[in-house]
Amino acid sequence: MSIGDTLADARRQTGLTISQVSQRTRIRESIIAAIEKGDFSPCGGDFYARGHIRSVASVVGVDPVPLIREYDEEHGPPAAMRAAQVFEPATPIKIREPRRFGLGKAAVVVLLALIGFGVYHLVSTSGTHKNNAASDTATQRPAAATTSPTARPSPASAPASGPAAARSKPTEAVIKLTAVQDCWVALTDTAGKQLYQGTIYAGNTMTWREKHPVSMVIGNPMGIVLTVDGKPQQTHTTRVLTLSISPASTNATIG
């Protein structure tokens, strides 16, 4: 009995549908259906095919070791992943064009500008009248009675504080990766220095706190759950994924 037949029979015996297996393994239904027919080409390579076999087998209650051994006998033993495969460029993402500034918004901005100018003109005129009245009063007093108070520093010279100062402080990106399947991960800084490299096994979670931009390479994007500052990231691809993560943004960019 072939690998696909074994997995299909075990799935039917457990009363699961392909859709239910897909939800539990995070593997697309089309890939599971192809595996059950003995077609591993949609997996994207031997590395992913072995991972998919292991994941499906664990859900339907089959020992994956004999199936992996049978796959290796048919397709050859696993080989080390080449550097060219790890750093292969990812699929470009679609960038939304910025929305045009509407005519209604422009009218609101102009109206606010006119109101602000009117208020400024009113305050300036009132201040000028007060200064003239004060000058007239000062000329009528004896010279000995006039004193010059100590000049206070301008508010602009005071050190920044409050929310604005808090925003100027450097932030950090909290990167959290949970492995649903075994996944190879590498983390480097912008200078190419390696910060982490290794396999995160299914059920384990790794967390990084980075104050500078980093590059993350994920060998099995379909088998992980990734968040940056608590915001989930899109990793639904069967190819090796390269992400650029910056502390200034909660979104990771591909490439």
Protein backbone atom coordinates (compact mmCIF):
# COMPACT_ATOMS: atom_id res chain seq x y z
CA MET A 1 0.00 0.00 0.00
CA SER A 2 1.39 3.40 -0.99
CA ILE A 3 1.91 6.37 1.33
CA GLY A 4 -1.14 8.17 -0.05
CA ASP A 5 -3.37 5.09 0.30
CA THR A 6 -2.23 4.57 3.89
CA LEU A 7 -3.01 8.17 4.86
CA ALA A 8 -6.34 8.19 3.01
CA ASP A 9 -7.50 4.92 4.64
CA ALA A 10 -6.47 6.16 8.11
CA ARG A 11 -8.32 9.43 7.55
CA ARG A 12 -11.53 7.64 6.55
CA GLN A 13 -11.29 5.29 9.55
CA THR A 14 -11.01 8.26 11.92
CA GLY A 15 -14.07 9.86 10.27
CA LEU A 16 -12.20 13.03 9.19
CA THR A 17 -12.63 14.93 5.95
CA ILE A 18 -9.81 16.48 3.96
CA SER A 19 -11.08 19.89 5.06
CA GLN A 20 -10.86 18.92 8.75
CA VAL A 21 -7.32 17.56 8.29
CA SER A 22 -6.39 20.80 6.53
CA GLN A 23 -7.69 22.88 9.45
CA ARG A 24 -5.71 20.86 11.99
CA THR A 25 -2.45 20.75 10.03
CA ARG A 26 -2.65 24.18 8.33
CA ILE A 27 -1.89 22.39 5.03
CA ARG A 28 -4.01 23.33 2.00
CA GLU A 29 -6.73 20.86 1.00
CA SER A 30 -5.38 20.60 -2.56
CA ILE A 31 -1.97 19.46 -1.23
CA ILE A 32 -3.53 16.83 1.08
CA ALA A 33 -5.69 15.51 -1.77
CA ALA A 34 -2.62 15.27 -4.04
CA ILE A 35 -0.61 13.42 -1.35
CA GLU A 36 -3.39 10.85 -0.96
CA LYS A 37 -3.15 10.26 -4.73
CA GLY A 38 0.63 9.81 -4.49
CA ASP A 39 1.44 13.20 -6.06
CA PHE A 40 3.98 15.15 -3.96
CA SER A 41 4.79 17.83 -6.53
CA PRO A 42 2.48 20.49 -4.93
CA CYS A 43 4.47 20.17 -1.67
CA GLY A 44 7.26 22.32 -3.11
CA GLY A 45 10.15 19.90 -2.49
CA ASP A 46 11.24 16.87 -0.45
CA PHE A 47 11.77 18.94 2.72
CA TYR A 48 8.15 20.08 2.75
CA ALA A 49 6.80 16.72 1.55
CA ARG A 50 8.30 14.95 4.57
CA GLY A 51 6.88 17.62 6.87
CA HIS A 52 3.41 17.29 5.33
CA ILE A 53 3.50 13.49 5.62
CA ARG A 54 4.51 13.74 9.28
CA SER A 55 1.77 16.30 10.06
CA VAL A 56 -1.05 14.43 8.30
CA ALA A 57 0.02 11.11 9.81
CA SER A 58 -0.05 12.54 13.34
CA VAL A 59 -3.61 13.83 12.82
CA VAL A 60 -5.05 10.61 11.36
CA GLY A 61 -3.27 8.41 13.92
CA VAL A 62 -0.57 6.77 11.78
CA ASP A 63 3.09 6.30 12.72
CA PRO A 64 4.94 8.69 10.35
CA VAL A 65 8.36 6.96 10.64
CA PRO A 66 7.65 4.05 8.23
CA LEU A 67 5.99 6.47 5.79
CA ILE A 68 9.00 8.82 5.82
CA ARG A 69 11.30 5.82 5.32
CA GLU A 70 9.19 4.69 2.36
CA TYR A 71 9.28 8.22 0.90
CA ASP A 72 13.10 8.32 1.21
CA GLU A 73 13.37 4.95 -0.54
CA GLU A 74 11.32 6.29 -3.46
CA HIS A 75 12.76 9.81 -3.68
CA GLY A 76 16.17 9.53 -2.05
CA PRO A 77 17.42 10.44 1.48
CA PRO A 78 17.09 14.04 2.73
CA ALA A 79 19.89 16.40 1.71
CA ALA A 80 21.13 19.54 3.41
CA MET A 81 19.37 22.70 2.35
CA ARG A 82 21.56 24.82 0.07
CA ALA A 83 22.22 28.48 0.85
CA ALA A 84 20.68 29.45 -2.50
CA GLN A 85 17.42 27.79 -1.44
CA VAL A 86 17.41 29.50 1.97
CA PHE A 87 17.89 33.00 0.60
CA GLU A 88 15.74 32.53 -2.50
CA PRO A 89 13.78 35.74 -3.19
CA ALA A 90 10.20 35.56 -2.01
CA THR A 91 7.10 36.34 -4.09
CA PRO A 92 6.59 40.13 -4.38
CA ILE A 93 3.68 41.49 -2.40
CA LYS A 94 1.00 43.81 -3.72
CA ILE A 95 1.23 47.38 -2.50
CA ARG A 96 -1.93 49.42 -2.32
CA GLU A 97 -1.79 52.79 -3.96
CA PRO A 98 -2.38 55.75 -1.61
CA ARG A 99 -5.85 57.24 -1.75
CA ARG A 100 -6.25 60.61 -3.37
CA PHE A 101 -6.92 63.61 -1.20
CA GLY A 102 -10.65 64.31 -1.68
CA LEU A 103 -12.09 67.72 -2.50
CA GLY A 104 -14.19 67.66 0.68
CA LYS A 105 -11.11 67.13 2.84
CA ALA A 106 -9.34 70.00 1.09
CA ALA A 107 -12.28 72.31 1.84
CA VAL A 108 -12.19 71.33 5.53
CA VAL A 109 -8.44 72.05 5.71
CA VAL A 110 -8.90 75.48 4.11
CA LEU A 111 -11.75 76.31 6.51
CA LEU A 112 -9.68 75.33 9.54
CA ALA A 113 -6.78 77.42 8.26
CA LEU A 114 -9.04 80.50 7.92
CA ILE A 115 -10.44 80.02 11.42
CA GLY A 116 -6.94 79.66 12.84
CA PHE A 117 -5.76 82.82 11.08
CA GLY A 118 -8.76 84.75 12.43
CA VAL A 119 -8.10 83.61 16.00
CA TYR A 120 -4.40 84.46 15.67
CA HIS A 121 -5.20 87.93 14.31
CA LEU A 122 -7.68 88.57 17.13
CA VAL A 123 -5.23 87.51 19.83
CA SER A 124 -2.39 89.52 18.28
CA THR A 125 -4.52 92.69 18.10
CA SER A 126 -5.67 92.28 21.71
CA GLY A 127 -2.10 91.76 22.88
CA THR A 128 -0.94 94.89 21.04
CA HIS A 129 -3.61 97.04 22.74
CA LYS A 130 -2.63 95.69 26.16
CA ASN A 131 1.08 96.37 25.54
CA ASN A 132 0.34 99.97 24.45
CA ALA A 133 -1.77 100.57 27.58
CA ALA A 134 0.99 99.17 29.77
CA SER A 135 3.56 101.42 28.08
CA ASP A 136 1.42 104.52 28.67
CA THR A 137 1.07 103.64 32.36
CA ALA A 138 4.79 103.02 32.74
CA THR A 139 5.73 106.47 31.36
CA GLN A 140 3.61 108.17 34.01
CA ARG A 141 5.35 106.40 36.92
CA PRO A 142 8.67 107.52 38.49
CA ALA A 143 11.73 105.97 36.94
CA ALA A 144 12.81 104.42 40.27
CA ALA A 145 9.57 102.44 40.50
CA THR A 146 10.14 100.54 37.25
CA THR A 147 12.02 97.30 37.61
CA SER A 148 12.91 94.66 35.07
CA PRO A 149 11.84 91.14 36.19
CA THR A 150 14.23 88.28 35.61
CA ALA A 151 13.65 86.84 32.14
CA ARG A 152 12.17 83.42 32.14
CA PRO A 153 13.31 80.81 29.62
CA SER A 154 11.11 80.49 26.57
CA PRO A 155 8.92 77.37 26.56
CA ALA A 156 10.65 76.36 23.32
CA SER A 157 13.99 76.11 25.21
CA ALA A 158 12.62 73.73 27.84
CA PRO A 159 13.57 70.06 27.42
CA ALA A 160 11.00 67.92 25.67
CA SER A 161 8.76 65.88 27.95
CA GLY A 162 5.43 64.09 27.96
CA PRO A 163 4.02 61.92 25.13
CA ALA A 164 6.21 63.56 22.46
CA ALA A 165 9.37 62.64 24.36
CA ALA A 166 8.07 59.11 24.89
CA ARG A 167 7.48 58.69 21.17
CA SER A 168 11.04 59.79 20.39
CA LYS A 169 12.52 56.97 22.47
CA PRO A 170 13.70 53.95 20.49
CA THR A 171 11.22 51.07 20.38
CA GLU A 172 11.74 47.36 20.01
CA ALA A 173 10.06 44.70 17.88
CA VAL A 174 8.70 41.70 19.80
CA ILE A 175 8.84 38.73 17.41
CA LYS A 176 7.00 35.58 18.53
CA LEU A 177 7.12 32.35 16.49
CA THR A 178 5.10 29.24 17.41
CA ALA A 179 5.86 26.05 15.47
CA VAL A 180 2.85 23.94 14.47
CA GLN A 181 5.23 21.80 12.43
CA ASP A 182 9.03 21.48 12.57
CA CYS A 183 10.49 24.64 11.03
CA TRP A 184 14.01 25.87 10.26
CA VAL A 185 14.56 29.56 11.16
CA ALA A 186 17.45 32.01 10.72
CA LEU A 187 17.68 35.57 12.11
CA THR A 188 20.30 38.12 10.98
CA ASP A 189 20.84 41.85 11.42
CA THR A 190 21.29 44.38 8.60
CA ALA A 191 25.06 43.88 8.66
CA GLY A 192 24.62 40.15 8.01
CA LYS A 193 25.51 39.09 11.56
CA GLN A 194 23.75 35.86 12.52
CA LEU A 195 21.54 36.26 15.61
CA TYR A 196 19.86 32.83 15.55
CA GLN A 197 19.80 29.70 13.41
CA GLY A 198 18.19 26.35 14.10
CA THR A 199 15.09 24.15 13.93
CA ILE A 200 12.09 24.98 16.11
CA TYR A 201 10.17 21.78 16.67
CA ALA A 202 6.38 21.48 16.62
CA GLY A 203 4.74 22.74 19.81
CA ASN A 204 7.61 25.05 20.78
CA THR A 205 7.63 28.87 20.81
CA MET A 206 10.54 31.29 20.37
CA THR A 207 10.47 35.02 21.20
CA TRP A 208 12.96 37.70 20.11
CA ARG A 209 13.08 41.36 21.19
CA GLU A 210 14.99 43.39 18.61
CA LYS A 211 15.73 47.15 18.82
CA HIS A 212 17.17 47.24 15.29
CA PRO A 213 15.88 46.00 11.91
CA VAL A 214 16.43 42.28 11.30
CA SER A 215 15.92 39.77 8.50
CA MET A 216 14.14 36.44 9.22
CA VAL A 217 14.30 33.38 6.94
CA ILE A 218 11.58 30.74 7.53
CA GLY A 219 12.00 27.30 5.95
CA ASN A 220 8.42 26.07 6.49
CA PRO A 221 6.10 29.15 6.57
CA MET A 222 2.93 27.02 6.43
CA GLY A 223 3.91 25.28 9.67
CA ILE A 224 4.28 28.31 11.95
CA VAL A 225 2.29 31.13 13.55
CA LEU A 226 4.20 34.44 13.55
CA THR A 227 3.33 37.71 15.32
CA VAL A 228 5.19 41.05 15.50
CA ASP A 229 4.22 43.18 18.51
CA GLY A 230 1.17 40.94 18.90
CA LYS A 231 -0.02 41.44 15.32
CA PRO A 232 -0.36 38.21 13.24
CA GLN A 233 1.73 38.06 10.06
CA GLN A 234 0.77 36.38 6.77
CA THR A 235 3.00 33.31 6.12
CA HIS A 236 0.73 31.21 3.90
CA THR A 237 3.22 30.05 1.27
CA THR A 238 4.95 26.75 0.54
CA ARG A 239 8.21 28.47 -0.46
CA VAL A 240 11.08 29.56 1.77
CA LEU A 241 10.03 32.98 3.14
CA THR A 242 12.31 35.95 3.86
CA LEU A 243 10.89 38.78 6.03
CA SER A 244 12.29 42.19 6.94
CA ILE A 245 11.18 43.30 10.43
CA SER A 246 11.70 46.82 11.82
CA PRO A 247 10.94 48.10 15.35
CA ALA A 248 9.23 51.15 13.81
CA SER A 249 6.50 48.99 12.24
CA THR A 250 4.19 46.18 13.43
CA ASN A 251 4.13 44.66 9.94
CA ALA A 252 6.88 42.48 8.48
CA THR A 253 7.69 43.07 4.80
CA ILE A 254 8.60 40.30 2.39
CA GLY A 255 12.00 40.43 0.79
